[in-house]
Amino acid sequence: MNEDDIIKKVTLLGILKKKPDETLNDVMLMLVDTGMYEMKEAKQVFKELKAGQYISNGQLTLKGITVAKETEQEFKQ
């Protein structure tokens, strides 16, 4: 697994764990604040996740939810 895959997976997990009143932009800003990536990179990651159909209409798709839950299990091990 390369660094890009890890970043995408952590981003999906962050979206999965967001509060109902939080937006994707809130999640993006929170992840940028953690130092995971810069804003420019964050926008690119979100763009790639949308293009890959992991995110649609501000929500995770079934594909995105599946990957996020798999990621969560990986981190629990």
N, C-alpha and C. Protein backbone atom coordinates (compact mmCIF):
# COMPACT_ATOMS: atom_id res chain seq x y z
N MET A 1 0.86 -1.18 0.00
CA MET A 1 0.00 0.00 0.00
C MET A 1 0.90 1.24 0.00
N ASN A 2 0.67 2.13 -0.95
CA ASN A 2 1.51 3.32 -1.02
C ASN A 2 0.91 4.47 -0.22
N GLU A 3 1.65 5.55 -0.12
CA GLU A 3 1.22 6.69 0.70
C GLU A 3 -0.09 7.30 0.20
N ASP A 4 -0.28 7.37 -1.12
CA ASP A 4 -1.52 7.91 -1.67
C ASP A 4 -2.73 7.09 -1.23
N ASP A 5 -2.58 5.77 -1.24
CA ASP A 5 -3.67 4.90 -0.81
C ASP A 5 -4.01 5.14 0.65
N ILE A 6 -2.98 5.28 1.47
CA ILE A 6 -3.20 5.51 2.91
C ILE A 6 -3.92 6.83 3.12
N ILE A 7 -3.49 7.86 2.42
CA ILE A 7 -4.12 9.18 2.56
C ILE A 7 -5.59 9.11 2.15
N LYS A 8 -5.88 8.44 1.05
CA LYS A 8 -7.27 8.31 0.60
C LYS A 8 -8.10 7.54 1.61
N LYS A 9 -7.54 6.46 2.15
CA LYS A 9 -8.27 5.64 3.11
C LYS A 9 -8.55 6.42 4.39
N VAL A 10 -7.56 7.15 4.87
CA VAL A 10 -7.76 7.94 6.09
C VAL A 10 -8.79 9.05 5.84
N THR A 11 -8.76 9.62 4.65
CA THR A 11 -9.74 10.64 4.30
C THR A 11 -11.15 10.05 4.29
N LEU A 12 -11.31 8.88 3.69
CA LEU A 12 -12.62 8.22 3.69
C LEU A 12 -13.06 7.90 5.11
N LEU A 13 -12.15 7.47 5.95
CA LEU A 13 -12.48 7.17 7.34
C LEU A 13 -12.91 8.45 8.07
N GLY A 14 -12.22 9.54 7.80
CA GLY A 14 -12.61 10.83 8.39
C GLY A 14 -14.01 11.24 7.97
N ILE A 15 -14.35 11.01 6.72
CA ILE A 15 -15.69 11.33 6.23
C ILE A 15 -16.72 10.41 6.90
N LEU A 16 -16.39 9.14 7.03
CA LEU A 16 -17.29 8.18 7.68
C LEU A 16 -17.59 8.61 9.11
N LYS A 17 -16.59 9.13 9.81
CA LYS A 17 -16.72 9.48 11.22
C LYS A 17 -17.23 10.91 11.45
N LYS A 18 -17.49 11.64 10.38
CA LYS A 18 -17.93 13.02 10.57
C LYS A 18 -19.30 13.07 11.24
N LYS A 19 -19.54 14.15 11.95
CA LYS A 19 -20.82 14.36 12.62
C LYS A 19 -21.85 14.75 11.56
N PRO A 20 -23.13 14.49 11.84
CA PRO A 20 -24.18 14.79 10.85
C PRO A 20 -24.22 16.25 10.40
N ASP A 21 -23.83 17.16 11.29
CA ASP A 21 -23.88 18.58 10.92
C ASP A 21 -22.59 19.08 10.26
N GLU A 22 -21.61 18.18 10.06
CA GLU A 22 -20.36 18.56 9.41
C GLU A 22 -20.43 18.31 7.91
N THR A 23 -19.74 19.15 7.16
CA THR A 23 -19.70 18.99 5.71
C THR A 23 -18.38 18.35 5.30
N LEU A 24 -18.27 18.00 4.03
CA LEU A 24 -17.00 17.48 3.52
C LEU A 24 -15.89 18.52 3.67
N ASN A 25 -16.24 19.78 3.51
CA ASN A 25 -15.25 20.84 3.67
C ASN A 25 -14.75 20.89 5.12
N ASP A 26 -15.65 20.68 6.08
CA ASP A 26 -15.24 20.63 7.49
C ASP A 26 -14.23 19.50 7.72
N VAL A 27 -14.51 18.35 7.13
CA VAL A 27 -13.60 17.20 7.26
C VAL A 27 -12.26 17.52 6.62
N MET A 28 -12.31 18.15 5.45
CA MET A 28 -11.08 18.51 4.75
C MET A 28 -10.25 19.45 5.61
N LEU A 29 -10.87 20.47 6.18
CA LEU A 29 -10.15 21.43 7.01
C LEU A 29 -9.58 20.76 8.26
N MET A 30 -10.33 19.84 8.85
CA MET A 30 -9.87 19.13 10.03
C MET A 30 -8.63 18.30 9.70
N LEU A 31 -8.65 17.61 8.57
CA LEU A 31 -7.51 16.80 8.17
C LEU A 31 -6.29 17.65 7.82
N VAL A 32 -6.52 18.80 7.21
CA VAL A 32 -5.42 19.73 6.92
C VAL A 32 -4.83 20.22 8.24
N ASP A 33 -5.69 20.52 9.22
CA ASP A 33 -5.22 20.99 10.53
C ASP A 33 -4.36 19.95 11.25
N THR A 34 -4.60 18.68 10.98
CA THR A 34 -3.81 17.63 11.63
C THR A 34 -2.42 17.52 11.01
N GLY A 35 -2.23 18.17 9.86
CA GLY A 35 -0.95 18.11 9.19
C GLY A 35 -0.83 16.93 8.24
N MET A 36 -1.95 16.25 8.01
CA MET A 36 -1.91 15.08 7.13
C MET A 36 -1.52 15.48 5.70
N TYR A 37 -2.03 16.63 5.30
CA TYR A 37 -1.67 17.16 3.99
C TYR A 37 -1.98 18.65 3.93
N GLU A 38 -1.49 19.29 2.87
CA GLU A 38 -1.74 20.71 2.64
C GLU A 38 -3.10 20.87 1.94
N MET A 39 -3.65 22.06 1.99
CA MET A 39 -4.97 22.30 1.40
C MET A 39 -4.99 21.93 -0.09
N LYS A 40 -3.95 22.27 -0.82
CA LYS A 40 -3.91 21.97 -2.25
C LYS A 40 -4.00 20.45 -2.46
N GLU A 41 -3.24 19.70 -1.67
CA GLU A 41 -3.27 18.24 -1.77
C GLU A 41 -4.63 17.69 -1.34
N ALA A 42 -5.20 18.29 -0.30
CA ALA A 42 -6.51 17.85 0.19
C ALA A 42 -7.57 17.98 -0.90
N LYS A 43 -7.56 19.09 -1.59
CA LYS A 43 -8.53 19.30 -2.67
C LYS A 43 -8.35 18.26 -3.77
N GLN A 44 -7.10 17.93 -4.07
CA GLN A 44 -6.81 16.92 -5.09
C GLN A 44 -7.32 15.55 -4.65
N VAL A 45 -7.10 15.20 -3.38
CA VAL A 45 -7.55 13.90 -2.85
C VAL A 45 -9.07 13.82 -2.93
N PHE A 46 -9.76 14.86 -2.51
CA PHE A 46 -11.23 14.85 -2.57
C PHE A 46 -11.71 14.76 -4.01
N LYS A 47 -11.02 15.44 -4.92
CA LYS A 47 -11.37 15.38 -6.34
C LYS A 47 -11.22 13.95 -6.86
N GLU A 48 -10.12 13.29 -6.48
CA GLU A 48 -9.88 11.91 -6.91
C GLU A 48 -10.92 10.95 -6.31
N LEU A 49 -11.30 11.18 -5.07
CA LEU A 49 -12.31 10.33 -4.43
C LEU A 49 -13.67 10.50 -5.11
N LYS A 50 -13.99 11.71 -5.53
CA LYS A 50 -15.24 11.94 -6.26
C LYS A 50 -15.18 11.27 -7.63
N ALA A 51 -14.05 11.41 -8.31
CA ALA A 51 -13.88 10.80 -9.64
C ALA A 51 -13.93 9.28 -9.54
N GLY A 52 -13.43 8.72 -8.46
CA GLY A 52 -13.44 7.28 -8.25
C GLY A 52 -14.76 6.77 -7.71
N GLN A 53 -15.72 7.67 -7.57
CA GLN A 53 -17.07 7.35 -7.08
C GLN A 53 -17.07 6.81 -5.65
N TYR A 54 -16.18 7.35 -4.82
CA TYR A 54 -16.19 7.04 -3.39
C TYR A 54 -17.07 8.05 -2.66
N ILE A 55 -17.22 9.23 -3.27
CA ILE A 55 -18.03 10.32 -2.71
C ILE A 55 -18.99 10.81 -3.79
N SER A 56 -20.22 11.07 -3.38
CA SER A 56 -21.20 11.63 -4.30
C SER A 56 -22.18 12.49 -3.50
N ASN A 57 -22.47 13.66 -4.00
CA ASN A 57 -23.43 14.56 -3.35
C ASN A 57 -23.10 14.81 -1.88
N GLY A 58 -21.82 14.97 -1.58
CA GLY A 58 -21.40 15.29 -0.22
C GLY A 58 -21.46 14.13 0.76
N GLN A 59 -21.66 12.93 0.26
CA GLN A 59 -21.76 11.75 1.11
C GLN A 59 -20.89 10.63 0.55
N LEU A 60 -20.55 9.69 1.42
CA LEU A 60 -19.86 8.50 0.93
C LEU A 60 -20.82 7.63 0.15
N THR A 61 -20.34 7.04 -0.92
CA THR A 61 -21.13 6.06 -1.65
C THR A 61 -20.95 4.71 -0.95
N LEU A 62 -21.64 3.70 -1.40
CA LEU A 62 -21.47 2.37 -0.82
C LEU A 62 -20.02 1.92 -0.95
N LYS A 63 -19.41 2.22 -2.08
CA LYS A 63 -18.00 1.90 -2.31
C LYS A 63 -17.12 2.61 -1.28
N GLY A 64 -17.40 3.87 -1.03
CA GLY A 64 -16.64 4.65 -0.06
C GLY A 64 -16.82 4.16 1.36
N ILE A 65 -18.04 3.81 1.71
CA ILE A 65 -18.34 3.28 3.04
C ILE A 65 -17.59 1.97 3.26
N THR A 66 -17.60 1.11 2.26
CA THR A 66 -16.93 -0.18 2.36
C THR A 66 -15.43 -0.01 2.62
N VAL A 67 -14.79 0.86 1.85
CA VAL A 67 -13.35 1.09 2.03
C VAL A 67 -13.07 1.73 3.39
N ALA A 68 -13.92 2.67 3.80
CA ALA A 68 -13.72 3.34 5.09
C ALA A 68 -13.84 2.35 6.25
N LYS A 69 -14.80 1.44 6.17
CA LYS A 69 -14.97 0.46 7.24
C LYS A 69 -13.82 -0.56 7.25
N GLU A 70 -13.34 -0.92 6.07
CA GLU A 70 -12.17 -1.81 6.00
C GLU A 70 -10.95 -1.13 6.62
N THR A 71 -10.80 0.16 6.35
CA THR A 71 -9.69 0.94 6.91
C THR A 71 -9.79 0.99 8.43
N GLU A 72 -11.00 1.20 8.91
CA GLU A 72 -11.21 1.24 10.36
C GLU A 72 -10.77 -0.07 11.01
N GLN A 73 -11.11 -1.19 10.37
CA GLN A 73 -10.72 -2.50 10.90
C GLN A 73 -9.20 -2.67 10.86
N GLU A 74 -8.54 -2.16 9.81
CA GLU A 74 -7.09 -2.25 9.70
C GLU A 74 -6.41 -1.54 10.87
N PHE A 75 -6.95 -0.36 11.24
CA PHE A 75 -6.36 0.41 12.31
C PHE A 75 -6.61 -0.20 13.68
N LYS A 76 -7.66 -0.99 13.80
CA LYS A 76 -7.97 -1.64 15.08
C LYS A 76 -7.06 -2.82 15.34
N GLN A 77 -6.44 -3.34 14.31
CA GLN A 77 -5.58 -4.53 14.47
C GLN A 77 -4.25 -4.17 15.07
